[in-house]
Structures are given as C-alpha cells and as structure tokens.
Amino acid sequence: MTAATELHHPPISDVAITDVLFALSDPARLALARQLVDGPMDMAACSATGGPVPKATKSHQLKVLREAGVVRNVSKGRGRLLSLRRDELDAVFPGLLDSVLGTR
C-alpha cells in the first residue's frame, strides 16, 4: 500500500465463493450489498440495518465484505466510496449475485 487511506482488495482470482457466501450470509452485510446494486455510494450514506448502528460495527461489516471480494472501498476526498464488484464477481461466479441479492 502506498498510502494509509488505501485498503487491500483481493484480486478476483483469489476470491473464493465460500468467502463471498459467508460475507453475504449476515443480514446486515447483505443489506449493505443490496444498497450498492444500483451503483457506488458514499460510505456515510450506506446503512447497515434499519436502526442506528455503531460506527465500529458498520466498519467491521464493510471490512468483511471487502476482504471477501464483494465490495470496493476507496478514498473519495474526506470520505469513502463503496461499490459492488459486480462485473468481476459475475465473470467468476455467473448468476451468484443475482441469486443471493435477489436482483435482475
């Protein structure tokens, strides 16, 4: 990493279907992923559940999704931009996101 604000994202070739399924098995993480279906969002705009969620809990949930290869979390000014790695995941695991996220 060249800067403290850059986070590690696994290459798609290192992403395991078991890790993706585990990351999406938690209802709060699944809800976060579903919010990203229509495109990138500012991290502050994403909500982990319907009620207030501690910042540390939300950060952990996003870390699990990122480390599993489900989302990208990149710096954008003073905030962070989240996006679903849909194209990459669809290429490796066709139909998985549609099935799990209930999209398309």
N, C-alpha and C. Protein backbone atom coordinates (compact mmCIF):
# COMPACT_ATOMS: atom_id res chain seq x y z
N MET A 1 0.85 -1.18 0.00
CA MET A 1 0.00 0.00 0.00
C MET A 1 0.89 1.24 0.00
N THR A 2 0.46 2.23 -0.77
CA THR A 2 1.26 3.43 -0.87
C THR A 2 0.80 4.52 0.08
N ALA A 3 -0.42 4.43 0.54
CA ALA A 3 -0.94 5.44 1.46
C ALA A 3 -1.82 4.77 2.50
N ALA A 4 -1.93 5.43 3.64
CA ALA A 4 -2.73 4.87 4.74
C ALA A 4 -4.21 4.77 4.36
N THR A 5 -4.67 5.58 3.41
CA THR A 5 -6.09 5.57 3.06
C THR A 5 -6.44 4.48 2.04
N GLU A 6 -5.44 3.81 1.48
CA GLU A 6 -5.72 2.74 0.52
C GLU A 6 -5.93 1.43 1.28
N LEU A 7 -6.98 0.74 0.93
CA LEU A 7 -7.29 -0.54 1.57
C LEU A 7 -6.99 -1.67 0.60
N HIS A 8 -6.64 -2.83 1.14
CA HIS A 8 -6.37 -4.00 0.30
C HIS A 8 -7.68 -4.60 -0.21
N HIS A 9 -7.71 -4.86 -1.50
CA HIS A 9 -8.82 -5.57 -2.13
C HIS A 9 -8.23 -6.80 -2.81
N PRO A 10 -8.73 -7.98 -2.48
CA PRO A 10 -8.13 -9.18 -3.07
C PRO A 10 -8.34 -9.22 -4.58
N PRO A 11 -7.34 -9.69 -5.31
CA PRO A 11 -7.54 -9.88 -6.75
C PRO A 11 -8.69 -10.87 -6.94
N ILE A 12 -9.45 -10.70 -7.99
CA ILE A 12 -10.62 -11.56 -8.20
C ILE A 12 -10.21 -13.03 -8.31
N SER A 13 -9.00 -13.29 -8.77
CA SER A 13 -8.52 -14.67 -8.87
C SER A 13 -8.33 -15.32 -7.50
N ASP A 14 -8.21 -14.51 -6.45
CA ASP A 14 -8.05 -15.03 -5.08
C ASP A 14 -9.37 -15.10 -4.30
N VAL A 15 -10.45 -14.64 -4.91
CA VAL A 15 -11.75 -14.61 -4.23
C VAL A 15 -12.38 -16.00 -4.29
N ALA A 16 -12.74 -16.53 -3.12
CA ALA A 16 -13.36 -17.85 -3.02
C ALA A 16 -14.88 -17.70 -2.84
N ILE A 17 -15.61 -18.56 -3.49
CA ILE A 17 -17.08 -18.50 -3.38
C ILE A 17 -17.53 -18.68 -1.93
N THR A 18 -16.82 -19.48 -1.17
CA THR A 18 -17.18 -19.67 0.24
C THR A 18 -17.05 -18.37 1.03
N ASP A 19 -16.02 -17.58 0.72
CA ASP A 19 -15.85 -16.29 1.40
C ASP A 19 -16.96 -15.31 1.02
N VAL A 20 -17.32 -15.30 -0.26
CA VAL A 20 -18.40 -14.42 -0.72
C VAL A 20 -19.71 -14.81 -0.04
N LEU A 21 -20.01 -16.10 -0.03
CA LEU A 21 -21.26 -16.56 0.59
C LEU A 21 -21.27 -16.30 2.09
N PHE A 22 -20.14 -16.48 2.76
CA PHE A 22 -20.07 -16.18 4.19
C PHE A 22 -20.33 -14.69 4.42
N ALA A 23 -19.68 -13.83 3.64
CA ALA A 23 -19.84 -12.39 3.81
C ALA A 23 -21.28 -11.98 3.62
N LEU A 24 -21.97 -12.60 2.68
CA LEU A 24 -23.36 -12.23 2.38
C LEU A 24 -24.37 -12.98 3.24
N SER A 25 -23.90 -13.88 4.10
CA SER A 25 -24.83 -14.64 4.94
C SER A 25 -25.37 -13.85 6.12
N ASP A 26 -24.70 -12.76 6.47
CA ASP A 26 -25.16 -11.91 7.57
C ASP A 26 -26.20 -10.92 7.03
N PRO A 27 -27.37 -10.82 7.67
CA PRO A 27 -28.42 -9.93 7.15
C PRO A 27 -27.98 -8.47 6.99
N ALA A 28 -27.18 -7.96 7.91
CA ALA A 28 -26.74 -6.56 7.80
C ALA A 28 -25.79 -6.38 6.63
N ARG A 29 -24.87 -7.33 6.43
CA ARG A 29 -23.94 -7.23 5.29
C ARG A 29 -24.69 -7.42 3.98
N LEU A 30 -25.67 -8.30 3.97
CA LEU A 30 -26.49 -8.50 2.77
C LEU A 30 -27.24 -7.21 2.43
N ALA A 31 -27.76 -6.54 3.45
CA ALA A 31 -28.47 -5.27 3.24
C ALA A 31 -27.52 -4.22 2.67
N LEU A 32 -26.29 -4.17 3.17
CA LEU A 32 -25.30 -3.22 2.64
C LEU A 32 -25.03 -3.51 1.17
N ALA A 33 -24.83 -4.78 0.83
CA ALA A 33 -24.55 -5.15 -0.56
C ALA A 33 -25.74 -4.79 -1.47
N ARG A 34 -26.95 -5.02 -0.99
CA ARG A 34 -28.14 -4.69 -1.80
C ARG A 34 -28.24 -3.20 -2.08
N GLN A 35 -27.76 -2.36 -1.17
CA GLN A 35 -27.79 -0.92 -1.39
C GLN A 35 -26.86 -0.50 -2.51
N LEU A 36 -25.87 -1.33 -2.82
CA LEU A 36 -24.88 -0.99 -3.84
C LEU A 36 -25.22 -1.54 -5.22
N VAL A 37 -26.33 -2.23 -5.34
CA VAL A 37 -26.72 -2.84 -6.62
C VAL A 37 -26.86 -1.79 -7.72
N ASP A 38 -27.40 -0.63 -7.40
CA ASP A 38 -27.63 0.40 -8.42
C ASP A 38 -26.42 1.27 -8.69
N GLY A 39 -25.32 1.04 -8.00
CA GLY A 39 -24.11 1.81 -8.24
C GLY A 39 -23.44 2.23 -6.96
N PRO A 40 -22.28 2.87 -7.10
CA PRO A 40 -21.50 3.28 -5.92
C PRO A 40 -22.26 4.25 -5.02
N MET A 41 -21.90 4.21 -3.74
CA MET A 41 -22.49 5.10 -2.74
C MET A 41 -21.40 5.60 -1.82
N ASP A 42 -21.60 6.80 -1.28
CA ASP A 42 -20.72 7.27 -0.21
C ASP A 42 -20.94 6.38 0.99
N MET A 43 -19.86 6.03 1.66
CA MET A 43 -19.96 5.14 2.82
C MET A 43 -20.91 5.70 3.87
N ALA A 44 -20.91 7.00 4.05
CA ALA A 44 -21.77 7.61 5.06
C ALA A 44 -23.25 7.41 4.73
N ALA A 45 -23.59 7.25 3.44
CA ALA A 45 -24.99 7.10 3.04
C ALA A 45 -25.49 5.67 3.22
N CYS A 46 -24.59 4.70 3.27
CA CYS A 46 -24.99 3.30 3.44
C CYS A 46 -25.38 3.06 4.89
N SER A 47 -26.43 2.29 5.08
CA SER A 47 -26.82 1.95 6.45
C SER A 47 -26.82 0.44 6.58
N ALA A 48 -26.28 -0.04 7.68
CA ALA A 48 -26.14 -1.48 7.89
C ALA A 48 -27.46 -2.15 8.24
N THR A 49 -28.33 -1.46 8.96
CA THR A 49 -29.64 -2.01 9.32
C THR A 49 -30.61 -0.85 9.42
N GLY A 50 -31.83 -1.15 9.78
CA GLY A 50 -32.83 -0.10 9.89
C GLY A 50 -32.62 0.86 11.05
N GLY A 51 -31.96 0.42 12.10
CA GLY A 51 -31.75 1.26 13.27
C GLY A 51 -30.33 1.81 13.32
N PRO A 52 -30.04 2.55 14.37
CA PRO A 52 -28.69 3.10 14.50
C PRO A 52 -27.67 1.97 14.72
N VAL A 53 -26.57 2.06 14.00
CA VAL A 53 -25.52 1.05 14.09
C VAL A 53 -24.22 1.75 14.50
N PRO A 54 -23.53 1.25 15.50
CA PRO A 54 -22.27 1.86 15.88
C PRO A 54 -21.29 1.88 14.70
N LYS A 55 -20.50 2.94 14.63
CA LYS A 55 -19.55 3.10 13.53
C LYS A 55 -18.61 1.90 13.44
N ALA A 56 -18.17 1.38 14.57
CA ALA A 56 -17.25 0.24 14.57
C ALA A 56 -17.90 -1.00 13.98
N THR A 57 -19.18 -1.21 14.25
CA THR A 57 -19.91 -2.36 13.70
C THR A 57 -20.03 -2.24 12.19
N LYS A 58 -20.40 -1.06 11.72
CA LYS A 58 -20.53 -0.84 10.28
C LYS A 58 -19.17 -1.02 9.60
N SER A 59 -18.12 -0.49 10.20
CA SER A 59 -16.77 -0.64 9.64
C SER A 59 -16.38 -2.11 9.54
N HIS A 60 -16.70 -2.87 10.58
CA HIS A 60 -16.40 -4.31 10.56
C HIS A 60 -17.16 -5.02 9.45
N GLN A 61 -18.44 -4.71 9.32
CA GLN A 61 -19.25 -5.35 8.29
C GLN A 61 -18.69 -5.05 6.90
N LEU A 62 -18.28 -3.81 6.68
CA LEU A 62 -17.72 -3.43 5.38
C LEU A 62 -16.36 -4.08 5.16
N LYS A 63 -15.60 -4.25 6.22
CA LYS A 63 -14.30 -4.93 6.11
C LYS A 63 -14.50 -6.38 5.68
N VAL A 64 -15.46 -7.05 6.25
CA VAL A 64 -15.74 -8.45 5.88
C VAL A 64 -16.13 -8.52 4.40
N LEU A 65 -16.99 -7.62 3.96
CA LEU A 65 -17.40 -7.60 2.55
C LEU A 65 -16.21 -7.31 1.63
N ARG A 66 -15.36 -6.37 2.03
CA ARG A 66 -14.20 -6.01 1.21
C ARG A 66 -13.21 -7.15 1.14
N GLU A 67 -12.87 -7.74 2.28
CA GLU A 67 -11.89 -8.82 2.31
C GLU A 67 -12.39 -10.08 1.60
N ALA A 68 -13.70 -10.25 1.51
CA ALA A 68 -14.26 -11.39 0.78
C ALA A 68 -14.29 -11.12 -0.73
N GLY A 69 -14.05 -9.87 -1.12
CA GLY A 69 -14.04 -9.53 -2.53
C GLY A 69 -15.38 -9.08 -3.07
N VAL A 70 -16.32 -8.78 -2.19
CA VAL A 70 -17.67 -8.39 -2.61
C VAL A 70 -17.75 -6.91 -2.97
N VAL A 71 -17.06 -6.06 -2.21
CA VAL A 71 -17.14 -4.61 -2.45
C VAL A 71 -15.74 -4.00 -2.59
N ARG A 72 -15.73 -2.83 -3.20
CA ARG A 72 -14.55 -1.96 -3.22
C ARG A 72 -14.85 -0.80 -2.29
N ASN A 73 -13.83 -0.36 -1.57
CA ASN A 73 -13.96 0.73 -0.62
C ASN A 73 -12.75 1.63 -0.86
N VAL A 74 -12.96 2.74 -1.57
CA VAL A 74 -11.85 3.60 -1.96
C VAL A 74 -12.04 5.02 -1.44
N SER A 75 -10.94 5.71 -1.27
CA SER A 75 -10.98 7.10 -0.81
C SER A 75 -11.64 7.99 -1.83
N LYS A 76 -12.43 8.93 -1.32
CA LYS A 76 -13.05 9.96 -2.16
C LYS A 76 -13.07 11.23 -1.33
N GLY A 77 -12.08 12.06 -1.51
CA GLY A 77 -11.99 13.27 -0.70
C GLY A 77 -11.80 12.90 0.76
N ARG A 78 -12.67 13.44 1.61
CA ARG A 78 -12.60 13.14 3.05
C ARG A 78 -13.40 11.91 3.43
N GLY A 79 -14.11 11.32 2.46
CA GLY A 79 -14.93 10.16 2.74
C GLY A 79 -14.46 8.94 1.98
N ARG A 80 -15.34 7.97 1.86
CA ARG A 80 -15.03 6.73 1.14
C ARG A 80 -16.20 6.39 0.23
N LEU A 81 -15.88 5.81 -0.92
CA LEU A 81 -16.87 5.41 -1.90
C LEU A 81 -16.92 3.89 -1.95
N LEU A 82 -18.11 3.34 -1.81
CA LEU A 82 -18.32 1.90 -1.83
C LEU A 82 -18.95 1.50 -3.15
N SER A 83 -18.49 0.37 -3.70
CA SER A 83 -19.11 -0.16 -4.90
C SER A 83 -19.08 -1.68 -4.86
N LEU A 84 -20.08 -2.27 -5.47
CA LEU A 84 -20.18 -3.71 -5.58
C LEU A 84 -19.25 -4.15 -6.72
N ARG A 85 -18.51 -5.21 -6.53
CA ARG A 85 -17.61 -5.72 -7.57
C ARG A 85 -18.39 -6.65 -8.51
N ARG A 86 -19.52 -6.17 -8.97
CA ARG A 86 -20.45 -6.99 -9.75
C ARG A 86 -19.83 -7.58 -11.01
N ASP A 87 -19.21 -6.76 -11.85
CA ASP A 87 -18.67 -7.27 -13.11
C ASP A 87 -17.64 -8.37 -12.87
N GLU A 88 -16.76 -8.14 -11.90
CA GLU A 88 -15.73 -9.13 -11.60
C GLU A 88 -16.34 -10.41 -11.04
N LEU A 89 -17.27 -10.26 -10.10
CA LEU A 89 -17.90 -11.44 -9.49
C LEU A 89 -18.77 -12.19 -10.49
N ASP A 90 -19.48 -11.46 -11.36
CA ASP A 90 -20.30 -12.12 -12.38
C ASP A 90 -19.44 -12.92 -13.36
N ALA A 91 -18.23 -12.42 -13.63
CA ALA A 91 -17.34 -13.13 -14.56
C ALA A 91 -16.85 -14.45 -13.96
N VAL A 92 -16.61 -14.46 -12.65
CA VAL A 92 -16.07 -15.65 -11.99
C VAL A 92 -17.18 -16.58 -11.49
N PHE A 93 -18.25 -15.99 -10.97
CA PHE A 93 -19.37 -16.76 -10.41
C PHE A 93 -20.68 -16.29 -11.07
N PRO A 94 -20.91 -16.66 -12.33
CA PRO A 94 -22.10 -16.17 -13.05
C PRO A 94 -23.40 -16.46 -12.30
N GLY A 95 -24.22 -15.43 -12.16
CA GLY A 95 -25.53 -15.57 -11.54
C GLY A 95 -25.54 -15.56 -10.02
N LEU A 96 -24.39 -15.62 -9.39
CA LEU A 96 -24.35 -15.69 -7.92
C LEU A 96 -24.97 -14.46 -7.28
N LEU A 97 -24.52 -13.27 -7.67
CA LEU A 97 -25.06 -12.05 -7.03
C LEU A 97 -26.54 -11.91 -7.31
N ASP A 98 -26.98 -12.19 -8.53
CA ASP A 98 -28.41 -12.10 -8.82
C ASP A 98 -29.20 -13.01 -7.90
N SER A 99 -28.70 -14.20 -7.71
CA SER A 99 -29.40 -15.18 -6.87
C SER A 99 -29.41 -14.76 -5.41
N VAL A 100 -28.28 -14.36 -4.88
CA VAL A 100 -28.18 -14.03 -3.46
C VAL A 100 -28.80 -12.68 -3.13
N LEU A 101 -28.59 -11.69 -4.01
CA LEU A 101 -29.11 -10.35 -3.74
C LEU A 101 -30.55 -10.18 -4.19
N GLY A 102 -31.06 -11.13 -4.98
CA GLY A 102 -32.44 -11.03 -5.47
C GLY A 102 -32.60 -9.93 -6.50
N THR A 103 -31.61 -9.78 -7.38
CA THR A 103 -31.65 -8.73 -8.40
C THR A 103 -31.84 -9.32 -9.78
N ARG A 104 -32.16 -8.44 -10.69
CA ARG A 104 -32.35 -8.73 -12.13
C ARG A 104 -33.42 -9.69 -12.40
